[in-house]
């Protein structure tokens, strides 16, 4: 008999929505899961939007969500910058700047490079500025190292390639903050034991393998960035492979709640 689940961690982009398009049935599935009194946390590596922008987007799309239920790698990165009193050079999207602008002092030298998904800033001049800071002693913080993500026009290159390029050129190892780092998942769970939790996501490495490495059951959904055969490239394999978030919720309500 399946062990009861106290907490469900839910990825956002590619699992519940792709930009401004909702995965069919996802709004209703979140509502059904919430009605079961299961603890819900929305965990995301999204770095293109501040928490406020992301929250407002989800509410506009129709999701019943509370702002404090969103646990993002942006927030985790901010905690690091704030606690260490860093003055970072930011390679992040303008829509995410809101979460960091009060921490940056342009009158003093930068002592860290913070990298998120920032397509408009991944150009030679910006990357070279980051490189020069790194070889002069700045630390490198990667909000995450995603290989690619899903846009309405197809898959698109994630920040991981640029993080690796900076590591290679500067001989500096990045400190990775978001998924698939076990510390990220454990922080999202709070006082819930990993074996009493399920993670639902479309990224077989960052969502599923990352969660399962610290004892959380990983449900892979075939939406968003999923590609046929993804379920075969990690060991152990996903706990479940589902057509969509809707089917994942059906299984949880039938077997784990």
C-alpha atoms as a PDB file:
ATOM      1  CA  UNK A   1       0.000   0.000   0.000  1.00  0.00           C
ATOM      2  CA  UNK A   2       1.350   3.431  -0.981  1.00  0.00           C
ATOM      3  CA  UNK A   3       2.591   5.713   1.795  1.00  0.00           C
ATOM      4  CA  UNK A   4       0.389   8.759   2.239  1.00  0.00           C
ATOM      5  CA  UNK A   5       1.715  11.993   0.788  1.00  0.00           C
ATOM      6  CA  UNK A   6       1.725  15.206   2.825  1.00  0.00           C
ATOM      7  CA  UNK A   7       3.268  17.571   0.284  1.00  0.00           C
ATOM      8  CA  UNK A   8       3.233  17.953  -3.501  1.00  0.00           C
ATOM      9  CA  UNK A   9       5.863  20.098  -5.192  1.00  0.00           C
ATOM     10  CA  UNK A  10       4.741  21.393  -8.579  1.00  0.00           C
ATOM     11  CA  UNK A  11       6.900  22.807 -11.349  1.00  0.00           C
ATOM     12  CA  UNK A  12       5.411  25.763 -13.231  1.00  0.00           C
ATOM     13  CA  UNK A  13       6.649  26.425 -16.771  1.00  0.00           C
ATOM     14  CA  UNK A  14       6.016  23.392 -18.971  1.00  0.00           C
ATOM     15  CA  UNK A  15       3.978  21.650 -16.279  1.00  0.00           C
ATOM     16  CA  UNK A  16       1.124  24.073 -15.581  1.00  0.00           C
ATOM     17  CA  UNK A  17       1.643  26.525 -18.440  1.00  0.00           C
ATOM     18  CA  UNK A  18       3.872  27.540 -21.349  1.00  0.00           C
ATOM     19  CA  UNK A  19       4.175  31.326 -21.271  1.00  0.00           C
ATOM     20  CA  UNK A  20       0.548  32.528 -21.388  1.00  0.00           C
ATOM     21  CA  UNK A  21      -0.975  29.204 -22.477  1.00  0.00           C
ATOM     22  CA  UNK A  22      -2.357  26.939 -19.739  1.00  0.00           C
ATOM     23  CA  UNK A  23      -1.793  23.175 -19.994  1.00  0.00           C
ATOM     24  CA  UNK A  24      -5.353  21.869 -20.638  1.00  0.00           C
ATOM     25  CA  UNK A  25      -7.084  20.941 -17.367  1.00  0.00           C
ATOM     26  CA  UNK A  26      -4.251  22.229 -15.151  1.00  0.00           C
ATOM     27  CA  UNK A  27      -6.297  24.946 -13.394  1.00  0.00           C
ATOM     28  CA  UNK A  28      -8.979  22.450 -12.410  1.00  0.00           C
ATOM     29  CA  UNK A  29      -6.388  19.842 -11.387  1.00  0.00           C
ATOM     30  CA  UNK A  30      -4.703  22.289  -8.990  1.00  0.00           C
ATOM     31  CA  UNK A  31      -8.109  23.027  -7.453  1.00  0.00           C
ATOM     32  CA  UNK A  32      -8.824  19.285  -7.010  1.00  0.00           C
ATOM     33  CA  UNK A  33      -5.461  18.715  -5.393  1.00  0.00           C
ATOM     34  CA  UNK A  34      -5.953  21.683  -3.071  1.00  0.00           C
ATOM     35  CA  UNK A  35      -9.370  20.374  -1.982  1.00  0.00           C
ATOM     36  CA  UNK A  36      -7.650  17.199  -0.688  1.00  0.00           C
ATOM     37  CA  UNK A  37      -5.887  19.336   1.970  1.00  0.00           C
ATOM     38  CA  UNK A  38      -2.499  18.236   0.657  1.00  0.00           C
ATOM     39  CA  UNK A  39       0.236  20.814   1.206  1.00  0.00           C
ATOM     40  CA  UNK A  40       1.125  22.411  -2.141  1.00  0.00           C
ATOM     41  CA  UNK A  41       4.269  24.291  -3.054  1.00  0.00           C
ATOM     42  CA  UNK A  42       5.029  25.656  -6.519  1.00  0.00           C
ATOM     43  CA  UNK A  43       8.765  25.241  -7.113  1.00  0.00           C
ATOM     44  CA  UNK A  44      10.375  26.853 -10.102  1.00  0.00           C
ATOM     45  CA  UNK A  45      13.705  27.646 -11.698  1.00  0.00           C
ATOM     46  CA  UNK A  46      12.046  30.449 -13.656  1.00  0.00           C
ATOM     47  CA  UNK A  47      14.424  33.417 -13.669  1.00  0.00           C
ATOM     48  CA  UNK A  48      12.824  35.584 -16.358  1.00  0.00           C
ATOM     49  CA  UNK A  49      10.280  37.086 -13.974  1.00  0.00           C
ATOM     50  CA  UNK A  50      10.267  38.455 -10.455  1.00  0.00           C
ATOM     51  CA  UNK A  51       8.061  36.741  -7.906  1.00  0.00           C
ATOM     52  CA  UNK A  52       5.415  39.459  -8.259  1.00  0.00           C
ATOM     53  CA  UNK A  53       5.342  39.216 -12.054  1.00  0.00           C
ATOM     54  CA  UNK A  54       5.163  35.424 -11.909  1.00  0.00           C
ATOM     55  CA  UNK A  55       2.408  35.444  -9.303  1.00  0.00           C
ATOM     56  CA  UNK A  56       0.323  37.924 -11.288  1.00  0.00           C
ATOM     57  CA  UNK A  57       0.761  35.853 -14.453  1.00  0.00           C
ATOM     58  CA  UNK A  58      -0.463  32.687 -12.725  1.00  0.00           C
ATOM     59  CA  UNK A  59      -3.471  34.429 -11.197  1.00  0.00           C
ATOM     60  CA  UNK A  60      -4.335  35.951 -14.577  1.00  0.00           C
ATOM     61  CA  UNK A  61      -4.174  32.461 -16.103  1.00  0.00           C
ATOM     62  CA  UNK A  62      -6.786  31.353 -13.572  1.00  0.00           C
ATOM     63  CA  UNK A  63      -4.747  29.455 -10.978  1.00  0.00           C
ATOM     64  CA  UNK A  64      -5.765  29.513  -7.316  1.00  0.00           C
ATOM     65  CA  UNK A  65      -2.384  30.274  -5.825  1.00  0.00           C
ATOM     66  CA  UNK A  66      -0.969  32.206  -2.890  1.00  0.00           C
ATOM     67  CA  UNK A  67       2.198  34.206  -3.327  1.00  0.00           C
ATOM     68  CA  UNK A  68       3.904  32.503  -0.382  1.00  0.00           C
ATOM     69  CA  UNK A  69       3.327  29.103  -2.039  1.00  0.00           C
ATOM     70  CA  UNK A  70       5.849  30.007  -4.752  1.00  0.00           C
ATOM     71  CA  UNK A  71       9.364  28.813  -3.944  1.00  0.00           C
ATOM     72  CA  UNK A  72      11.753  29.991  -6.633  1.00  0.00           C
ATOM     73  CA  UNK A  73      15.440  29.720  -7.337  1.00  0.00           C
ATOM     74  CA  UNK A  74      15.424  33.512  -7.662  1.00  0.00           C
ATOM     75  CA  UNK A  75      14.374  33.812  -4.022  1.00  0.00           C
ATOM     76  CA  UNK A  76      17.034  31.298  -2.962  1.00  0.00           C
ATOM     77  CA  UNK A  77      19.662  33.268  -4.892  1.00  0.00           C
ATOM     78  CA  UNK A  78      18.542  36.521  -3.277  1.00  0.00           C
ATOM     79  CA  UNK A  79      18.960  34.915   0.156  1.00  0.00           C
ATOM     80  CA  UNK A  80      22.565  34.055  -0.699  1.00  0.00           C
ATOM     81  CA  UNK A  81      23.350  37.554  -1.988  1.00  0.00           C
ATOM     82  CA  UNK A  82      21.737  39.189   1.028  1.00  0.00           C
ATOM     83  CA  UNK A  83      23.209  36.909   3.703  1.00  0.00           C
ATOM     84  CA  UNK A  84      26.747  37.198   2.298  1.00  0.00           C
ATOM     85  CA  UNK A  85      26.430  40.932   1.622  1.00  0.00           C
ATOM     86  CA  UNK A  86      27.449  40.461  -2.012  1.00  0.00           C
ATOM     87  CA  UNK A  87      27.329  43.177  -4.658  1.00  0.00           C
ATOM     88  CA  UNK A  88      26.562  41.141  -7.792  1.00  0.00           C
ATOM     89  CA  UNK A  89      26.869  41.756 -11.495  1.00  0.00           C
ATOM     90  CA  UNK A  90      23.490  40.549 -12.718  1.00  0.00           C
ATOM     91  CA  UNK A  91      23.011  38.491 -15.861  1.00  0.00           C
ATOM     92  CA  UNK A  92      19.260  38.171 -15.381  1.00  0.00           C
ATOM     93  CA  UNK A  93      16.198  39.294 -17.310  1.00  0.00           C
ATOM     94  CA  UNK A  94      14.921  42.825 -16.748  1.00  0.00           C
ATOM     95  CA  UNK A  95      11.604  41.392 -15.462  1.00  0.00           C
ATOM     96  CA  UNK A  96      13.515  39.690 -12.641  1.00  0.00           C
ATOM     97  CA  UNK A  97      15.494  42.774 -11.601  1.00  0.00           C
ATOM     98  CA  UNK A  98      12.795  43.755  -9.105  1.00  0.00           C
ATOM     99  CA  UNK A  99      13.957  40.956  -6.795  1.00  0.00           C
ATOM    100  CA  UNK A 100      17.556  42.283  -6.659  1.00  0.00           C
ATOM    101  CA  UNK A 101      17.692  45.987  -7.428  1.00  0.00           C
ATOM    102  CA  UNK A 102      17.790  46.993  -3.746  1.00  0.00           C
ATOM    103  CA  UNK A 103      20.854  44.784  -3.202  1.00  0.00           C
ATOM    104  CA  UNK A 104      23.068  46.271  -5.923  1.00  0.00           C
ATOM    105  CA  UNK A 105      25.375  49.205  -5.200  1.00  0.00           C
ATOM    106  CA  UNK A 106      26.624  50.604  -8.498  1.00  0.00           C
ATOM    107  CA  UNK A 107      29.155  52.830  -6.722  1.00  0.00           C
ATOM    108  CA  UNK A 108      31.150  49.880  -5.371  1.00  0.00           C
ATOM    109  CA  UNK A 109      33.033  47.039  -7.092  1.00  0.00           C
ATOM    110  CA  UNK A 110      31.094  43.890  -7.977  1.00  0.00           C
ATOM    111  CA  UNK A 111      32.263  40.790  -6.111  1.00  0.00           C
ATOM    112  CA  UNK A 112      29.959  38.159  -7.624  1.00  0.00           C
ATOM    113  CA  UNK A 113      28.402  37.232 -10.947  1.00  0.00           C
ATOM    114  CA  UNK A 114      24.794  36.024 -10.788  1.00  0.00           C
ATOM    115  CA  UNK A 115      23.480  34.210 -13.864  1.00  0.00           C
ATOM    116  CA  UNK A 116      19.862  33.412 -14.715  1.00  0.00           C
ATOM    117  CA  UNK A 117      17.990  33.118 -17.993  1.00  0.00           C
ATOM    118  CA  UNK A 118      18.691  36.412 -19.743  1.00  0.00           C
ATOM    119  CA  UNK A 119      18.570  35.995 -23.553  1.00  0.00           C
ATOM    120  CA  UNK A 120      18.987  39.724 -24.235  1.00  0.00           C
ATOM    121  CA  UNK A 121      22.136  39.871 -22.101  1.00  0.00           C
ATOM    122  CA  UNK A 122      23.937  36.773 -23.339  1.00  0.00           C
ATOM    123  CA  UNK A 123      26.061  38.803 -25.729  1.00  0.00           C
ATOM    124  CA  UNK A 124      29.828  39.120 -26.003  1.00  0.00           C
ATOM    125  CA  UNK A 125      30.189  42.406 -24.110  1.00  0.00           C
ATOM    126  CA  UNK A 126      28.104  41.325 -21.103  1.00  0.00           C
ATOM    127  CA  UNK A 127      29.664  37.865 -20.935  1.00  0.00           C
ATOM    128  CA  UNK A 128      33.139  39.363 -21.247  1.00  0.00           C
ATOM    129  CA  UNK A 129      32.379  41.767 -18.398  1.00  0.00           C
ATOM    130  CA  UNK A 130      31.349  38.793 -16.284  1.00  0.00           C
ATOM    131  CA  UNK A 131      34.502  36.900 -17.315  1.00  0.00           C
ATOM    132  CA  UNK A 132      36.760  39.768 -16.239  1.00  0.00           C
ATOM    133  CA  UNK A 133      35.100  39.953 -12.835  1.00  0.00           C
ATOM    134  CA  UNK A 134      35.527  36.213 -12.341  1.00  0.00           C
ATOM    135  CA  UNK A 135      39.241  36.141 -13.184  1.00  0.00           C
ATOM    136  CA  UNK A 136      39.713  38.986 -10.713  1.00  0.00           C
ATOM    137  CA  UNK A 137      38.225  37.052  -7.821  1.00  0.00           C
ATOM    138  CA  UNK A 138      34.432  37.372  -8.061  1.00  0.00           C
ATOM    139  CA  UNK A 139      32.334  34.305  -7.290  1.00  0.00           C
ATOM    140  CA  UNK A 140      29.994  32.709  -9.823  1.00  0.00           C
ATOM    141  CA  UNK A 141      26.421  31.930  -8.762  1.00  0.00           C
ATOM    142  CA  UNK A 142      24.142  30.075 -11.184  1.00  0.00           C
ATOM    143  CA  UNK A 143      20.466  30.443 -10.348  1.00  0.00           C
ATOM    144  CA  UNK A 144      20.190  27.170 -12.237  1.00  0.00           C
ATOM    145  CA  UNK A 145      21.938  25.301 -15.059  1.00  0.00           C
ATOM    146  CA  UNK A 146      18.939  24.347 -17.214  1.00  0.00           C
ATOM    147  CA  UNK A 147      19.913  22.998 -20.620  1.00  0.00           C
ATOM    148  CA  UNK A 148      16.799  24.218 -22.405  1.00  0.00           C
ATOM    149  CA  UNK A 149      13.200  25.270 -21.822  1.00  0.00           C
ATOM    150  CA  UNK A 150       9.929  25.369 -23.746  1.00  0.00           C
ATOM    151  CA  UNK A 151       8.712  28.472 -25.561  1.00  0.00           C
ATOM    152  CA  UNK A 152       5.606  28.722 -27.748  1.00  0.00           C
ATOM    153  CA  UNK A 153       7.848  28.462 -30.846  1.00  0.00           C
ATOM    154  CA  UNK A 154       9.725  25.378 -29.565  1.00  0.00           C
ATOM    155  CA  UNK A 155      12.660  24.474 -27.314  1.00  0.00           C
ATOM    156  CA  UNK A 156      15.146  27.236 -26.514  1.00  0.00           C
ATOM    157  CA  UNK A 157      18.650  27.267 -25.055  1.00  0.00           C
ATOM    158  CA  UNK A 158      18.766  27.669 -21.280  1.00  0.00           C
ATOM    159  CA  UNK A 159      21.372  29.421 -19.114  1.00  0.00           C
ATOM    160  CA  UNK A 160      23.386  26.256 -18.453  1.00  0.00           C
ATOM    161  CA  UNK A 161      25.505  26.609 -21.591  1.00  0.00           C
ATOM    162  CA  UNK A 162      26.512  30.151 -20.645  1.00  0.00           C
ATOM    163  CA  UNK A 163      27.308  29.160 -17.068  1.00  0.00           C
ATOM    164  CA  UNK A 164      29.524  26.353 -18.347  1.00  0.00           C
ATOM    165  CA  UNK A 165      31.219  28.734 -20.788  1.00  0.00           C
ATOM    166  CA  UNK A 166      32.049  31.160 -17.984  1.00  0.00           C
ATOM    167  CA  UNK A 167      33.324  28.292 -15.827  1.00  0.00           C
ATOM    168  CA  UNK A 168      35.554  27.047 -18.659  1.00  0.00           C
ATOM    169  CA  UNK A 169      36.997  30.464 -19.489  1.00  0.00           C
ATOM    170  CA  UNK A 170      37.591  31.670 -15.930  1.00  0.00           C
ATOM    171  CA  UNK A 171      38.438  28.352 -14.236  1.00  0.00           C
ATOM    172  CA  UNK A 172      35.841  29.211 -11.574  1.00  0.00           C
ATOM    173  CA  UNK A 173      33.247  26.668 -10.451  1.00  0.00           C
ATOM    174  CA  UNK A 174      29.685  27.935 -10.193  1.00  0.00           C
ATOM    175  CA  UNK A 175      27.619  27.581  -7.049  1.00  0.00           C
ATOM    176  CA  UNK A 176      24.248  26.283  -8.291  1.00  0.00           C
ATOM    177  CA  UNK A 177      21.189  27.414  -6.349  1.00  0.00           C
ATOM    178  CA  UNK A 178      18.009  25.954  -7.870  1.00  0.00           C
ATOM    179  CA  UNK A 179      16.807  22.567  -9.063  1.00  0.00           C
ATOM    180  CA  UNK A 180      18.265  19.900  -9.170  1.00  0.00           C
ATOM    181  CA  UNK A 181      20.213  20.806  -6.001  1.00  0.00           C
ATOM    182  CA  UNK A 182      18.987  18.769  -3.015  1.00  0.00           C
ATOM    183  CA  UNK A 183      19.147  21.784  -0.732  1.00  0.00           C
ATOM    184  CA  UNK A 184      16.553  23.546  -2.884  1.00  0.00           C
ATOM    185  CA  UNK A 185      14.076  20.667  -2.591  1.00  0.00           C
ATOM    186  CA  UNK A 186      14.640  20.243   1.139  1.00  0.00           C
ATOM    187  CA  UNK A 187      14.097  23.946   1.736  1.00  0.00           C
ATOM    188  CA  UNK A 188      10.852  23.778  -0.243  1.00  0.00           C
ATOM    189  CA  UNK A 189       9.634  20.840   1.879  1.00  0.00           C
ATOM    190  CA  UNK A 190      10.287  22.514   5.213  1.00  0.00           C
ATOM    191  CA  UNK A 191       9.482  19.986   7.966  1.00  0.00           C
ATOM    192  CA  UNK A 192       7.959  17.385   5.616  1.00  0.00           C
ATOM    193  CA  UNK A 193       9.954  14.172   5.168  1.00  0.00           C
ATOM    194  CA  UNK A 194      11.067  13.579   1.559  1.00  0.00           C
ATOM    195  CA  UNK A 195       9.383  10.148   1.480  1.00  0.00           C
ATOM    196  CA  UNK A 196       6.079  11.883   2.179  1.00  0.00           C
ATOM    197  CA  UNK A 197       6.356  14.129  -0.878  1.00  0.00           C
ATOM    198  CA  UNK A 198       5.930  14.027  -4.648  1.00  0.00           C
ATOM    199  CA  UNK A 199       7.512  16.318  -7.234  1.00  0.00           C
ATOM    200  CA  UNK A 200       5.693  16.857 -10.552  1.00  0.00           C
ATOM    201  CA  UNK A 201       7.621  18.333 -13.477  1.00  0.00           C
ATOM    202  CA  UNK A 202       8.489  18.226 -17.165  1.00  0.00           C
ATOM    203  CA  UNK A 203      12.287  18.243 -16.768  1.00  0.00           C
ATOM    204  CA  UNK A 204      13.535  14.699 -16.210  1.00  0.00           C
ATOM    205  CA  UNK A 205      16.876  15.847 -14.792  1.00  0.00           C
ATOM    206  CA  UNK A 206      16.156  19.009 -12.816  1.00  0.00           C
ATOM    207  CA  UNK A 207      12.661  18.118 -11.586  1.00  0.00           C
ATOM    208  CA  UNK A 208      12.561  14.336 -11.376  1.00  0.00           C
ATOM    209  CA  UNK A 209      16.143  13.152 -10.908  1.00  0.00           C
ATOM    210  CA  UNK A 210      16.868  16.072  -8.579  1.00  0.00           C
ATOM    211  CA  UNK A 211      13.866  15.270  -6.391  1.00  0.00           C
ATOM    212  CA  UNK A 212      14.488  11.527  -6.352  1.00  0.00           C
ATOM    213  CA  UNK A 213      18.124  12.030  -5.341  1.00  0.00           C
ATOM    214  CA  UNK A 214      16.904  13.268  -1.957  1.00  0.00           C
ATOM    215  CA  UNK A 215      14.098  10.742  -1.512  1.00  0.00           C
ATOM    216  CA  UNK A 216      11.115  12.515  -3.096  1.00  0.00           C
ATOM    217  CA  UNK A 217       8.975  10.587  -5.596  1.00  0.00           C
ATOM    218  CA  UNK A 218       9.331  12.097  -9.072  1.00  0.00           C
ATOM    219  CA  UNK A 219       6.410  12.271 -11.512  1.00  0.00           C
ATOM    220  CA  UNK A 220       7.453  13.156 -15.076  1.00  0.00           C
ATOM    221  CA  UNK A 221       4.824  14.802 -17.301  1.00  0.00           C
ATOM    222  CA  UNK A 222       4.882  14.615 -21.098  1.00  0.00           C
ATOM    223  CA  UNK A 223       4.321  18.326 -21.643  1.00  0.00           C
ATOM    224  CA  UNK A 224       6.593  21.365 -21.869  1.00  0.00           C
ATOM    225  CA  UNK A 225      10.203  20.416 -22.529  1.00  0.00           C
ATOM    226  CA  UNK A 226       9.552  16.652 -22.339  1.00  0.00           C
ATOM    227  CA  UNK A 227      11.011  14.701 -25.265  1.00  0.00           C
ATOM    228  CA  UNK A 228      10.194  11.072 -26.112  1.00  0.00           C
ATOM    229  CA  UNK A 229      12.513   8.740 -24.229  1.00  0.00           C
ATOM    230  CA  UNK A 230      13.383  11.195 -21.444  1.00  0.00           C
ATOM    231  CA  UNK A 231      12.119   8.681 -18.885  1.00  0.00           C
ATOM    232  CA  UNK A 232      14.920   6.305 -19.948  1.00  0.00           C
ATOM    233  CA  UNK A 233      17.872   8.638 -19.401  1.00  0.00           C
ATOM    234  CA  UNK A 234      17.932   8.736 -15.600  1.00  0.00           C
ATOM    235  CA  UNK A 235      18.526   6.025 -12.998  1.00  0.00           C
ATOM    236  CA  UNK A 236      16.416   5.295 -11.094  1.00  0.00           C
ATOM    237  CA  UNK A 237      13.610   5.896 -13.556  1.00  0.00           C
ATOM    238  CA  UNK A 238      10.772   8.329 -12.669  1.00  0.00           C
ATOM    239  CA  UNK A 239       8.301   6.992 -10.098  1.00  0.00           C
ATOM    240  CA  UNK A 240       5.566   7.667 -12.644  1.00  0.00           C
ATOM    241  CA  UNK A 241       5.364   8.971 -16.210  1.00  0.00           C
ATOM    242  CA  UNK A 242       2.125  10.848 -16.915  1.00  0.00           C
ATOM    243  CA  UNK A 243       0.522  12.331 -20.013  1.00  0.00           C
ATOM    244  CA  UNK A 244       0.076  15.623 -18.203  1.00  0.00           C
ATOM    245  CA  UNK A 245      -0.296  17.292 -14.834  1.00  0.00           C
ATOM    246  CA  UNK A 246      -3.955  16.276 -14.867  1.00  0.00           C
ATOM    247  CA  UNK A 247      -3.105  12.565 -14.924  1.00  0.00           C
ATOM    248  CA  UNK A 248      -0.451  13.065 -12.243  1.00  0.00           C
ATOM    249  CA  UNK A 249      -3.056  14.608  -9.936  1.00  0.00           C
ATOM    250  CA  UNK A 250      -5.497  11.772 -10.702  1.00  0.00           C
ATOM    251  CA  UNK A 251      -2.887   9.228  -9.583  1.00  0.00           C
ATOM    252  CA  UNK A 252      -2.045  11.172  -6.416  1.00  0.00           C
ATOM    253  CA  UNK A 253      -5.703  11.479  -5.394  1.00  0.00           C
ATOM    254  CA  UNK A 254      -6.392   7.818  -6.104  1.00  0.00           C
ATOM    255  CA  UNK A 255      -3.281   6.295  -4.536  1.00  0.00           C
ATOM    256  CA  UNK A 256      -1.532   8.682  -2.170  1.00  0.00           C
ATOM    257  CA  UNK A 257      -4.091  10.882  -0.384  1.00  0.00           C
END
